[in-house]
N, C-alpha and C. Protein backbone atom coordinates (compact mmCIF):
# COMPACT_ATOMS: atom_id res chain seq x y z
N MET A 1 7.30 -8.39 6.22
CA MET A 1 6.67 -7.01 5.21
C MET A 1 7.56 -6.24 5.46
N LYS A 2 8.03 -5.38 4.87
CA LYS A 2 8.54 -4.05 4.94
C LYS A 2 6.92 -2.49 4.13
N VAL A 3 7.21 -1.57 4.80
CA VAL A 3 6.96 -0.72 4.62
C VAL A 3 7.46 0.71 4.50
N GLN A 4 7.47 1.06 3.13
CA GLN A 4 7.97 2.55 2.78
C GLN A 4 7.52 3.53 2.57
N TYR A 5 8.13 4.44 3.07
CA TYR A 5 6.95 6.07 2.65
C TYR A 5 7.90 6.97 2.07
N ASP A 6 7.50 7.12 0.57
CA ASP A 6 8.60 8.56 -0.16
C ASP A 6 7.91 9.70 0.26
N GLN A 7 8.30 9.90 0.94
CA GLN A 7 7.14 11.91 1.28
C GLN A 7 7.59 12.73 -0.16
N ALA A 8 8.41 12.42 -0.91
CA ALA A 8 8.84 13.58 -2.23
C ALA A 8 8.02 13.42 -2.99
N ALA A 9 7.96 11.78 -3.31
CA ALA A 9 6.90 11.29 -4.61
C ALA A 9 5.22 10.73 -3.88
N ASP A 10 5.11 11.57 -2.40
CA ASP A 10 3.77 10.83 -1.85
C ASP A 10 3.07 10.08 -2.47
N ALA A 11 4.47 8.77 -2.16
CA ALA A 11 3.96 7.45 -1.92
C ALA A 11 4.31 6.34 -1.13
N LEU A 12 3.39 4.93 -0.78
CA LEU A 12 3.72 4.44 -0.05
C LEU A 12 4.00 2.69 -0.67
N TYR A 13 4.67 2.24 -0.36
CA TYR A 13 4.77 0.63 -0.78
C TYR A 13 5.31 0.31 0.21
N VAL A 14 4.52 -0.99 0.61
CA VAL A 14 4.03 -1.91 1.09
C VAL A 14 4.92 -3.63 0.59
N THR A 15 5.80 -3.72 0.95
CA THR A 15 6.28 -5.16 0.47
C THR A 15 5.99 -6.19 1.48
N LEU A 16 5.09 -7.05 0.42
CA LEU A 16 4.36 -8.37 1.15
C LEU A 16 4.95 -9.92 1.08
N GLY A 17 6.06 -10.03 0.05
CA GLY A 17 6.63 -10.91 -0.14
C GLY A 17 8.30 -10.82 -0.02
N ASP A 18 8.79 -11.91 0.23
CA ASP A 18 10.33 -12.43 0.05
C ASP A 18 10.71 -12.53 -0.54
N GLY A 19 11.79 -12.68 -2.24
CA GLY A 19 12.44 -13.88 -2.25
C GLY A 19 12.13 -14.00 -4.27
N GLU A 20 11.16 -13.30 -4.56
CA GLU A 20 9.84 -13.85 -5.12
C GLU A 20 10.30 -12.57 -6.10
N ILE A 21 10.73 -12.74 -7.61
CA ILE A 21 10.28 -11.75 -8.58
C ILE A 21 9.76 -11.11 -8.92
N VAL A 22 9.35 -9.58 -9.19
CA VAL A 22 8.54 -9.43 -9.44
C VAL A 22 8.21 -9.96 -11.50
N ALA A 23 7.13 -10.23 -11.69
CA ALA A 23 7.09 -10.74 -12.79
C ALA A 23 5.89 -9.73 -13.38
N ARG A 24 5.15 -9.40 -13.04
CA ARG A 24 3.99 -7.49 -13.60
C ARG A 24 3.91 -6.82 -12.14
N THR A 25 3.18 -5.95 -13.30
CA THR A 25 2.56 -5.40 -12.13
C THR A 25 0.86 -5.18 -12.40
N VAL A 26 -0.01 -5.25 -11.83
CA VAL A 26 -1.54 -5.26 -11.70
C VAL A 26 -2.15 -3.90 -11.49
N ARG A 27 -2.49 -2.91 -12.17
CA ARG A 27 -3.13 -1.65 -11.91
C ARG A 27 -4.71 -1.63 -11.50
N ILE A 28 -4.65 -1.55 -10.08
CA ILE A 28 -5.88 -1.29 -9.18
C ILE A 28 -6.87 -0.32 -10.07
N ASP A 29 -6.01 1.02 -9.44
CA ASP A 29 -6.49 2.10 -9.81
C ASP A 29 -5.47 3.23 -10.03
N ALA A 30 -5.62 4.91 -10.50
CA ALA A 30 -5.16 4.83 -11.34
C ALA A 30 -3.72 5.37 -9.81
N GLY A 31 -4.13 5.64 -8.90
CA GLY A 31 -2.94 5.38 -8.23
C GLY A 31 -2.93 4.32 -6.99
N THR A 32 -3.19 2.79 -7.59
CA THR A 32 -3.24 1.96 -6.87
C THR A 32 -2.19 0.90 -7.23
N LEU A 33 -1.29 0.04 -7.10
CA LEU A 33 -0.09 -0.89 -7.77
C LEU A 33 0.16 -1.98 -7.05
N VAL A 34 -0.95 -3.28 -7.59
CA VAL A 34 0.42 -4.46 -6.87
C VAL A 34 1.62 -5.24 -8.31
N ASP A 35 2.35 -5.17 -7.48
CA ASP A 35 3.33 -5.83 -8.30
C ASP A 35 2.63 -7.84 -7.59
N VAL A 36 3.13 -8.61 -8.63
CA VAL A 36 2.66 -9.94 -8.56
C VAL A 36 4.15 -10.67 -8.79
N ASP A 37 4.32 -12.26 -8.74
CA ASP A 37 5.21 -12.78 -8.83
C ASP A 37 4.53 -13.80 -10.04
N HIS A 38 4.53 -14.13 -10.37
CA HIS A 38 4.96 -15.20 -11.70
C HIS A 38 3.49 -16.21 -11.36
N LEU A 39 3.22 -16.63 -10.17
CA LEU A 39 2.36 -17.56 -10.37
C LEU A 39 1.07 -16.47 -9.58
N GLY A 40 1.46 -14.91 -10.08
CA GLY A 40 0.12 -14.15 -9.54
C GLY A 40 -0.28 -13.79 -8.38
N ARG A 41 0.87 -14.20 -7.18
CA ARG A 41 1.20 -13.82 -5.62
C ARG A 41 1.03 -12.37 -5.81
N PRO A 42 0.53 -11.91 -5.20
CA PRO A 42 1.11 -10.59 -4.57
C PRO A 42 2.47 -9.91 -3.76
N MET A 43 3.35 -9.00 -4.07
CA MET A 43 5.04 -9.71 -4.00
C MET A 43 4.46 -7.88 -3.14
N GLY A 44 4.07 -7.40 -3.96
CA GLY A 44 3.91 -5.45 -2.84
C GLY A 44 2.48 -4.99 -3.45
N ILE A 45 2.40 -3.77 -3.02
CA ILE A 45 1.36 -3.13 -3.21
C ILE A 45 1.96 -1.33 -3.01
N GLU A 46 1.97 -0.67 -4.08
CA GLU A 46 2.09 0.63 -4.09
C GLU A 46 1.13 1.86 -4.15
N ILE A 47 0.96 3.02 -3.40
CA ILE A 47 -0.06 3.59 -2.91
C ILE A 47 0.61 5.01 -3.34
N ILE A 48 -0.14 5.96 -4.43
CA ILE A 48 0.29 7.30 -4.68
C ILE A 48 -0.76 8.26 -4.18
N HIS A 49 -0.51 8.99 -3.51
CA HIS A 49 -0.84 9.71 -2.19
C HIS A 49 -1.97 8.72 -1.24
N PRO A 50 -0.94 8.54 -0.17
CA PRO A 50 -2.18 7.61 0.51
C PRO A 50 -2.76 8.00 1.84
N ALA A 51 -3.32 9.35 1.22
CA ALA A 51 -3.63 10.09 2.41
C ALA A 51 -5.57 9.87 1.90
N ARG A 52 -5.32 9.60 0.81
CA ARG A 52 -7.05 8.92 0.14
C ARG A 52 -6.95 7.62 0.85
N PRO A 53 -8.44 7.23 -0.06
CA PRO A 53 -9.26 5.90 0.90
C PRO A 53 -8.36 5.29 -0.41
N TRP A 54 -8.13 3.61 0.14
CA TRP A 54 -7.32 2.77 -0.66
C TRP A 54 -8.69 1.80 -1.31
N PRO A 55 -8.54 1.29 -2.22
CA PRO A 55 -9.18 0.01 -3.31
C PRO A 55 -9.08 -1.35 -2.27
N LEU A 56 -8.86 -0.91 -1.05
CA LEU A 56 -7.71 -2.33 -0.99
C LEU A 56 -9.09 -3.61 -0.57
N GLN A 57 -10.84 -3.10 -0.48
CA GLN A 57 -11.36 -4.85 -0.88
C GLN A 57 -11.47 -5.25 -2.32
N ASP A 58 -10.89 -4.54 -3.17
CA ASP A 58 -10.81 -4.96 -4.55
C ASP A 58 -9.51 -5.62 -4.76
N ILE A 59 -8.26 -5.27 -4.27
CA ILE A 59 -7.42 -6.35 -3.50
C ILE A 59 -7.48 -7.28 -3.15
N PHE A 60 -8.43 -7.40 -2.02
CA PHE A 60 -8.20 -8.39 -1.01
C PHE A 60 -9.43 -9.36 -2.04
N GLU A 61 -9.84 -9.14 -2.53
CA GLU A 61 -10.64 -9.61 -3.35
C GLU A 61 -10.70 -10.48 -4.74
N ARG A 62 -9.10 -9.94 -5.28
CA ARG A 62 -8.84 -10.11 -6.74
C ARG A 62 -7.51 -11.04 -6.36
N PHE A 63 -6.89 -10.88 -4.98
CA PHE A 63 -5.58 -12.01 -4.71
C PHE A 63 -5.41 -12.25 -3.01
N GLN A 64 -4.84 -12.81 -3.24
CA GLN A 64 -4.59 -13.77 -1.85
C GLN A 64 -3.77 -13.08 -0.66
N VAL A 65 -4.63 -12.21 -0.20
CA VAL A 65 -3.40 -11.56 0.74
C VAL A 65 -3.64 -12.35 2.68
N GLN A 66 -2.06 -12.61 2.92
CA GLN A 66 -2.38 -13.62 4.37
C GLN A 66 -3.12 -12.17 5.49
N ASP A 67 -4.06 -13.37 6.20
CA ASP A 67 -4.63 -12.37 7.60
C ASP A 67 -3.05 -11.14 7.74
N ASP A 68 -2.36 -11.25 7.86
CA ASP A 68 -0.88 -10.21 9.14
C ASP A 68 -1.32 -9.12 7.98
N CYS A 69 -0.94 -9.22 6.14
CA CYS A 69 -0.97 -8.13 6.30
C CYS A 69 -1.82 -7.36 5.80
N ARG A 70 -3.49 -7.85 5.23
CA ARG A 70 -4.20 -7.58 5.32
C ARG A 70 -4.32 -6.62 6.55
N ARG A 71 -4.32 -7.25 7.62
CA ARG A 71 -4.53 -5.50 9.34
C ARG A 71 -3.34 -5.38 9.09
N LEU A 72 -2.40 -5.57 8.43
CA LEU A 72 -1.53 -4.66 8.25
C LEU A 72 -1.72 -3.04 7.32
N LEU A 73 -2.04 -3.48 5.85
CA LEU A 73 -2.83 -2.61 4.98
C LEU A 73 -4.14 -1.76 6.08
N GLU A 74 -4.59 -2.49 6.27
CA GLU A 74 -5.89 -1.85 6.80
C GLU A 74 -5.10 -0.75 8.46
N GLU A 75 -4.43 -1.21 8.93
CA GLU A 75 -4.12 -0.42 9.96
C GLU A 75 -3.37 1.10 9.19
N LEU A 76 -3.00 0.66 7.71
CA LEU A 76 -2.17 1.77 7.72
C LEU A 76 -3.15 3.16 6.96
N GLN A 77 -4.24 2.15 6.26
CA GLN A 77 -4.88 3.25 5.40
C GLN A 77 -5.32 3.92 6.30
N GLY A 78 -5.54 3.85 7.85
CA GLY A 78 -6.11 4.60 8.69
C GLY A 78 -7.50 3.98 9.15
N ALA A 79 -8.30 6.13 9.72
CA ALA A 79 -9.63 5.46 10.22
C ALA A 79 -10.97 5.07 9.52
N PRO A 80 -11.26 4.67 9.89
CA PRO A 80 -12.62 3.63 9.47
C PRO A 80 -13.12 4.52 8.70
N GLU A 81 -13.64 3.94 7.40
CA GLU A 81 -14.98 4.83 6.87
C GLU A 81 -15.35 6.01 7.29
N GLY A 82 -15.42 6.61 7.03
CA GLY A 82 -16.04 8.53 7.16
C GLY A 82 -15.14 9.11 8.06
N ALA A 83 -13.82 8.42 8.55
CA ALA A 83 -13.82 9.10 9.75
C ALA A 83 -12.62 10.25 8.80
N HIS A 84 -11.98 11.28 9.75
CA HIS A 84 -11.21 12.29 8.65
C HIS A 84 -9.84 12.43 9.46
N ARG A 85 -9.84 11.65 10.12
CA ARG A 85 -7.77 11.13 10.41
C ARG A 85 -7.47 9.73 9.91
N ARG A 86 -6.08 9.77 8.81
CA ARG A 86 -6.04 8.94 7.96
C ARG A 86 -4.09 9.44 8.76
N PRO A 87 -3.23 8.47 8.33
CA PRO A 87 -1.56 8.25 8.12
C PRO A 87 -1.74 8.83 6.78
N PHE A 88 -0.36 9.90 6.92
CA PHE A 88 0.06 10.20 5.88
C PHE A 88 -0.13 11.70 5.31
N VAL A 89 -1.93 12.04 6.11
CA VAL A 89 -2.51 13.43 6.22
C VAL A 89 -1.58 14.60 5.86
N GLU A 90 -0.75 15.09 6.83
CA GLU A 90 0.00 15.82 7.32
C GLU A 90 1.40 15.37 7.01
N PRO A 91 2.32 16.10 6.12
CA PRO A 91 3.89 16.06 5.62
C PRO A 91 4.43 16.04 7.05
N VAL A 92 5.30 15.57 6.69
CA VAL A 92 7.02 15.96 7.89
C VAL A 92 7.29 16.66 7.58
N GLN A 93 7.74 17.31 8.73
CA GLN A 93 7.74 18.78 8.75
C GLN A 93 9.66 18.62 8.81
N LEU A 94 10.61 19.37 7.78
CA LEU A 94 12.30 18.64 8.01
C LEU A 94 12.59 19.53 8.47
N VAL A 95 13.05 20.55 9.84
CA VAL A 95 13.98 21.31 10.29
C VAL A 95 15.21 20.88 9.95
N GLY A 96 16.01 22.33 9.48
CA GLY A 96 17.38 22.62 9.35
C GLY A 96 18.28 22.98 10.54
N ALA A 97 19.28 22.39 10.10
CA ALA A 97 20.22 22.98 11.55
C ALA A 97 20.19 23.83 11.71
């Protein structure tokens, strides 16, 4: 698994599979996309504005996601429902030299 965060785009991409080519992208909601291979297995998940709640249950119901990937996604999503603290809420501040 590989996790990439693009601060300029405020987008998070989690690579779930290696070696397979993405055959299509499935839109879960306006800011959540799942890349799948030719067999429909999830290869990666893109979350736009990841500080918002993610539709993880929808993803888990529609796709077979390995347990370790589930745990990572849940951890990345942040605090439990109703809590105020989530990763990616505070932008990283860059300081010039």
